[in-house]
């Protein structure tokens, strides 16, 4: 990680999983932090750890960024003048189920958090970064941004938004030292998969080699921000190979068609589309 970017980092979703790992890694690199999450007790525990272990200055912000008021409160803090040098938007959640069956409030919350939240935080952090000609932004996306199936359409769509945003911003910021990355992990061992939403998902059917530790994702993400930079990062070789095959003109179209047909057959039979 470039020492030139050390300053203040704002990390959302910092109470657990990937967000917590980013907060720890950035504190270890010398950043002071503003960390946000819904669970205040977790934030205070993490803040105490970062102060004790790294001597960081840490401000906690207990807030639900899926709500308009929650997002506006963090944006207001940025507008008040905190110089965000590193923004990590790791707050997020998953849905599983047919789109028509998902509660409208859940649809709104996911779009607010993944899309509007990312856009608003980036939009308000960027002016200061551009003025200082330094800055790093990481949007935690997903491998699901590249493909979807029944029961995951909403989640995949919101993550695809993050990838497209990062790609466009890379071009817009070409004359600056500001970099934006959407990181797209697959299955990660975090509390994300333990939520009631994914009850019944047969994770035991997924081989161990396909699981990632959040520390692995964060380490690769931070490294690739400074070395062989690309705006969209898939942090494992196997996943990159899989996506390469899916994007191949003939073979990819065939595989996508087979996957889609298999999912539709399961839906018609009254079974989940996958797992």
Protein backbone atom coordinates (compact mmCIF):
# COMPACT_ATOMS: atom_id res chain seq x y z
CA UNK A 1 0.00 0.00 0.00
CA UNK A 2 1.34 3.39 -0.94
CA UNK A 3 2.37 5.48 2.04
CA UNK A 4 1.45 8.53 -0.03
CA UNK A 5 -2.22 7.83 0.59
CA UNK A 6 -1.98 7.55 4.39
CA UNK A 7 -4.42 9.87 6.12
CA UNK A 8 -8.05 9.31 7.09
CA UNK A 9 -10.02 6.25 6.04
CA UNK A 10 -13.80 5.92 6.13
CA UNK A 11 -14.93 2.29 6.30
CA UNK A 12 -18.59 1.28 6.19
CA UNK A 13 -19.80 -2.11 7.35
CA UNK A 14 -16.84 -2.26 9.72
CA UNK A 15 -18.44 -4.32 12.49
CA UNK A 16 -17.68 -7.69 10.88
CA UNK A 17 -16.34 -9.62 7.92
CA UNK A 18 -14.62 -7.87 5.04
CA UNK A 19 -15.28 -4.38 6.39
CA UNK A 20 -13.64 -5.19 9.70
CA UNK A 21 -10.60 -6.63 7.89
CA UNK A 22 -10.24 -3.46 5.83
CA UNK A 23 -10.39 -1.36 9.00
CA UNK A 24 -7.69 -3.46 10.64
CA UNK A 25 -5.45 -3.39 7.57
CA UNK A 26 -5.77 0.36 7.08
CA UNK A 27 -5.08 1.03 10.76
CA UNK A 28 -1.98 -1.15 10.49
CA UNK A 29 -0.90 0.95 7.49
CA UNK A 30 -1.10 4.12 9.56
CA UNK A 31 -4.55 5.48 8.76
CA UNK A 32 -6.84 7.14 11.27
CA UNK A 33 -10.38 5.91 10.82
CA UNK A 34 -14.05 6.72 10.80
CA UNK A 35 -15.88 3.39 10.98
CA UNK A 36 -19.60 2.86 10.52
CA UNK A 37 -22.02 -0.01 11.07
CA UNK A 38 -25.42 -0.72 12.58
CA UNK A 39 -24.04 -2.56 15.61
CA UNK A 40 -22.59 -0.02 18.00
CA UNK A 41 -21.16 -2.53 20.45
CA UNK A 42 -19.12 -4.18 17.70
CA UNK A 43 -17.85 -0.80 16.52
CA UNK A 44 -16.72 0.20 20.00
CA UNK A 45 -14.96 -3.13 20.43
CA UNK A 46 -13.14 -2.72 17.12
CA UNK A 47 -12.27 0.90 17.85
CA UNK A 48 -10.71 -0.10 21.16
CA UNK A 49 -8.66 -2.76 19.42
CA UNK A 50 -7.39 -0.37 16.73
CA UNK A 51 -6.42 2.27 19.28
CA UNK A 52 -4.70 -0.28 21.49
CA UNK A 53 -2.85 -2.20 18.77
CA UNK A 54 -2.07 0.53 16.24
CA UNK A 55 -2.46 3.80 18.11
CA UNK A 56 -5.02 4.97 15.55
CA UNK A 57 -7.50 7.75 16.10
CA UNK A 58 -10.90 6.14 15.57
CA UNK A 59 -14.34 7.73 15.33
CA UNK A 60 -17.33 5.38 15.45
CA UNK A 61 -20.59 6.05 13.68
CA UNK A 62 -23.51 3.75 14.54
CA UNK A 63 -25.81 4.14 11.56
CA UNK A 64 -27.97 2.22 9.12
CA UNK A 65 -26.84 3.33 5.66
CA UNK A 66 -29.81 1.66 3.99
CA UNK A 67 -32.00 4.44 5.41
CA UNK A 68 -32.09 7.91 3.88
CA UNK A 69 -31.49 9.58 7.25
CA UNK A 70 -28.59 7.27 8.04
CA UNK A 71 -26.84 7.93 4.75
CA UNK A 72 -27.41 11.67 5.00
CA UNK A 73 -25.83 11.73 8.46
CA UNK A 74 -22.58 10.25 7.14
CA UNK A 75 -22.61 12.46 4.04
CA UNK A 76 -23.09 15.47 6.32
CA UNK A 77 -19.99 14.43 8.26
CA UNK A 78 -17.98 14.37 5.03
CA UNK A 79 -19.34 17.77 3.99
CA UNK A 80 -18.36 19.17 7.38
CA UNK A 81 -14.78 18.75 6.29
CA UNK A 82 -13.35 15.36 7.28
CA UNK A 83 -10.61 14.76 4.67
CA UNK A 84 -11.43 11.25 3.44
CA UNK A 85 -8.28 9.86 1.79
CA UNK A 86 -9.47 6.25 1.64
CA UNK A 87 -13.11 5.19 1.32
CA UNK A 88 -14.19 1.58 1.70
CA UNK A 89 -17.88 0.87 1.18
CA UNK A 90 -18.23 -2.64 2.57
CA UNK A 91 -21.71 -2.36 4.07
CA UNK A 92 -24.10 -4.74 2.40
CA UNK A 93 -26.49 -7.65 2.72
CA UNK A 94 -27.90 -10.41 0.55
CA UNK A 95 -31.31 -11.51 -0.63
CA UNK A 96 -32.47 -14.92 -1.76
CA UNK A 97 -35.83 -15.50 -3.35
CA UNK A 98 -37.87 -14.59 -6.38
CA UNK A 99 -37.83 -10.86 -6.95
CA UNK A 100 -41.63 -10.62 -6.88
CA UNK A 101 -41.66 -12.24 -3.42
CA UNK A 102 -39.07 -9.94 -1.82
CA UNK A 103 -40.61 -7.36 0.47
CA UNK A 104 -40.63 -3.90 -1.10
CA UNK A 105 -38.88 -2.43 1.92
CA UNK A 106 -36.04 -4.93 1.45
CA UNK A 107 -35.78 -4.01 -2.23
CA UNK A 108 -35.54 -0.33 -1.32
CA UNK A 109 -33.02 -0.98 1.46
CA UNK A 110 -30.73 -2.98 -0.83
CA UNK A 111 -30.81 -0.43 -3.64
CA UNK A 112 -30.29 2.38 -1.11
CA UNK A 113 -27.34 0.66 0.54
CA UNK A 114 -25.52 -0.90 -2.41
CA UNK A 115 -26.25 1.69 -5.11
CA UNK A 116 -27.39 5.04 -3.71
CA UNK A 117 -25.13 4.68 -0.67
CA UNK A 118 -22.06 3.95 -2.78
CA UNK A 119 -22.84 6.73 -5.26
CA UNK A 120 -23.48 9.33 -2.57
CA UNK A 121 -20.41 8.51 -0.47
CA UNK A 122 -18.14 8.46 -3.51
CA UNK A 123 -19.64 11.65 -4.91
CA UNK A 124 -18.99 13.51 -1.66
CA UNK A 125 -15.53 12.06 -0.98
CA UNK A 126 -14.19 12.66 -4.50
CA UNK A 127 -13.91 16.47 -4.58
CA UNK A 128 -11.43 16.50 -1.69
CA UNK A 129 -9.46 13.61 -3.16
CA UNK A 130 -9.22 15.34 -6.52
CA UNK A 131 -8.20 18.62 -4.89
CA UNK A 132 -5.43 16.86 -2.93
CA UNK A 133 -4.62 14.69 -5.97
CA UNK A 134 -4.61 11.54 -3.89
CA UNK A 135 -7.19 9.03 -2.77
CA UNK A 136 -8.35 5.46 -2.87
CA UNK A 137 -11.90 4.09 -3.08
CA UNK A 138 -12.93 0.46 -2.71
CA UNK A 139 -16.47 -0.73 -3.36
CA UNK A 140 -17.14 -4.26 -2.15
CA UNK A 141 -18.95 -5.92 -5.03
CA UNK A 142 -19.34 -9.64 -5.74
CA UNK A 143 -18.71 -12.36 -8.27
CA UNK A 144 -22.50 -12.31 -8.59
CA UNK A 145 -22.15 -9.03 -10.49
CA UNK A 146 -21.04 -11.03 -13.53
CA UNK A 147 -23.82 -13.61 -13.61
CA UNK A 148 -27.10 -14.33 -11.93
CA UNK A 149 -29.90 -16.83 -11.76
CA UNK A 150 -33.37 -17.04 -10.30
CA UNK A 151 -33.49 -15.95 -6.64
CA UNK A 152 -30.45 -13.68 -6.88
CA UNK A 153 -31.50 -11.14 -9.52
CA UNK A 154 -31.75 -8.13 -7.18
CA UNK A 155 -28.44 -8.76 -5.42
CA UNK A 156 -26.60 -9.34 -8.70
CA UNK A 157 -28.06 -6.20 -10.25
CA UNK A 158 -26.96 -3.95 -7.38
CA UNK A 159 -23.44 -5.39 -7.45
CA UNK A 160 -23.21 -4.93 -11.22
CA UNK A 161 -23.92 -1.23 -10.57
CA UNK A 162 -20.78 -1.02 -8.42
CA UNK A 163 -18.62 -2.58 -11.12
CA UNK A 164 -19.92 -0.20 -13.78
CA UNK A 165 -19.42 2.80 -11.49
CA UNK A 166 -15.81 1.81 -10.79
CA UNK A 167 -15.05 1.29 -14.48
CA UNK A 168 -16.43 4.68 -15.46
CA UNK A 169 -14.68 6.50 -12.63
CA UNK A 170 -11.34 4.94 -13.57
CA UNK A 171 -11.57 6.77 -16.91
CA UNK A 172 -12.87 10.02 -15.43
CA UNK A 173 -10.02 10.12 -12.91
CA UNK A 174 -7.25 9.24 -15.39
CA UNK A 175 -5.57 12.64 -14.96
CA UNK A 176 -5.41 12.26 -11.17
CA UNK A 177 -3.77 9.98 -8.60
CA UNK A 178 -7.17 8.82 -7.35
CA UNK A 179 -8.03 5.17 -7.89
CA UNK A 180 -11.34 3.33 -7.61
CA UNK A 181 -11.73 -0.42 -7.33
CA UNK A 182 -14.74 -2.72 -7.20
CA UNK A 183 -13.59 -5.95 -5.57
CA UNK A 184 -15.61 -9.04 -6.50
CA UNK A 185 -15.09 -12.02 -4.20
CA UNK A 186 -17.08 -15.22 -4.43
CA UNK A 187 -17.93 -17.17 -1.29
CA UNK A 188 -16.29 -15.61 1.77
CA UNK A 189 -16.32 -17.03 5.29
CA UNK A 190 -18.15 -14.24 7.10
CA UNK A 191 -21.40 -13.75 9.03
CA UNK A 192 -23.00 -12.76 5.71
CA UNK A 193 -23.78 -16.41 4.93
CA UNK A 194 -25.12 -17.09 8.43
CA UNK A 195 -28.06 -14.70 8.11
CA UNK A 196 -31.65 -16.02 8.11
CA UNK A 197 -31.88 -15.03 4.44
CA UNK A 198 -29.62 -17.90 3.47
CA UNK A 199 -31.11 -20.52 5.76
CA UNK A 200 -31.45 -23.66 3.71
CA UNK A 201 -28.62 -22.81 1.32
CA UNK A 202 -26.52 -25.99 1.20
CA UNK A 203 -23.09 -24.50 1.87
CA UNK A 204 -21.81 -27.90 2.86
CA UNK A 205 -22.11 -28.80 -0.81
CA UNK A 206 -19.49 -26.21 -1.75
CA UNK A 207 -15.93 -27.62 -1.62
CA UNK A 208 -13.62 -25.98 0.89
CA UNK A 209 -11.23 -24.80 -1.83
CA UNK A 210 -13.86 -22.39 -3.16
CA UNK A 211 -14.17 -20.48 0.11
CA UNK A 212 -12.12 -17.37 0.80
CA UNK A 213 -11.06 -15.87 4.11
CA UNK A 214 -11.91 -12.15 4.34
CA UNK A 215 -8.25 -11.45 5.10
CA UNK A 216 -7.30 -12.98 1.73
CA UNK A 217 -9.76 -10.75 -0.11
CA UNK A 218 -8.57 -7.59 1.63
CA UNK A 219 -4.87 -8.34 1.19
CA UNK A 220 -5.27 -8.93 -2.55
CA UNK A 221 -7.52 -5.90 -2.94
CA UNK A 222 -5.11 -3.49 -1.27
CA UNK A 223 -2.14 -4.91 -3.14
CA UNK A 224 -3.82 -4.63 -6.52
CA UNK A 225 -4.80 -1.02 -5.88
CA UNK A 226 -1.10 -0.20 -6.08
CA UNK A 227 0.24 -2.94 -8.37
CA UNK A 228 -1.26 -3.99 -11.73
CA UNK A 229 -4.26 -1.81 -10.97
CA UNK A 230 -7.62 -2.56 -12.58
CA UNK A 231 -10.95 -0.95 -11.65
CA UNK A 232 -12.68 -4.33 -11.22
CA UNK A 233 -10.83 -7.02 -9.28
CA UNK A 234 -11.73 -10.69 -8.97
CA UNK A 235 -9.36 -11.77 -6.20
CA UNK A 236 -8.71 -15.42 -7.08
CA UNK A 237 -7.14 -17.04 -10.12
CA UNK A 238 -9.78 -19.78 -10.29
CA UNK A 239 -12.64 -17.27 -10.38
CA UNK A 240 -10.86 -15.20 -13.02
CA UNK A 241 -10.45 -18.31 -15.16
CA UNK A 242 -14.13 -19.17 -14.73
CA UNK A 243 -15.20 -15.69 -15.79
CA UNK A 244 -12.79 -15.82 -18.72
CA UNK A 245 -14.49 -18.98 -19.93
CA UNK A 246 -17.95 -17.47 -19.42
CA UNK A 247 -16.93 -14.48 -21.54
CA UNK A 248 -15.49 -16.60 -24.35
CA UNK A 249 -17.61 -16.06 -27.51
CA UNK A 250 -18.71 -19.66 -28.13
CA UNK A 251 -17.91 -21.71 -25.04
CA UNK A 252 -19.11 -18.98 -22.68
CA UNK A 253 -22.44 -18.61 -24.44
CA UNK A 254 -22.91 -22.38 -24.33
CA UNK A 255 -22.14 -22.60 -20.59
CA UNK A 256 -24.36 -19.63 -19.73
CA UNK A 257 -27.16 -21.16 -21.76
CA UNK A 258 -26.79 -24.52 -20.00
CA UNK A 259 -26.71 -22.89 -16.56
CA UNK A 260 -29.80 -20.85 -17.33
CA UNK A 261 -31.68 -23.82 -18.73
CA UNK A 262 -30.79 -25.95 -15.70
CA UNK A 263 -32.03 -23.22 -13.35
CA UNK A 264 -35.30 -22.84 -15.25
CA UNK A 265 -35.92 -26.58 -15.15
CA UNK A 266 -35.48 -26.58 -11.38
CA UNK A 267 -37.83 -23.61 -10.99
CA UNK A 268 -40.49 -25.33 -13.10
CA UNK A 269 -40.12 -28.39 -10.89
CA UNK A 270 -40.67 -26.28 -7.78
CA UNK A 271 -37.05 -26.49 -6.62
CA UNK A 272 -34.52 -23.74 -5.84
CA UNK A 273 -32.59 -22.57 -8.91
CA UNK A 274 -29.29 -23.58 -7.29
CA UNK A 275 -28.10 -25.17 -4.04
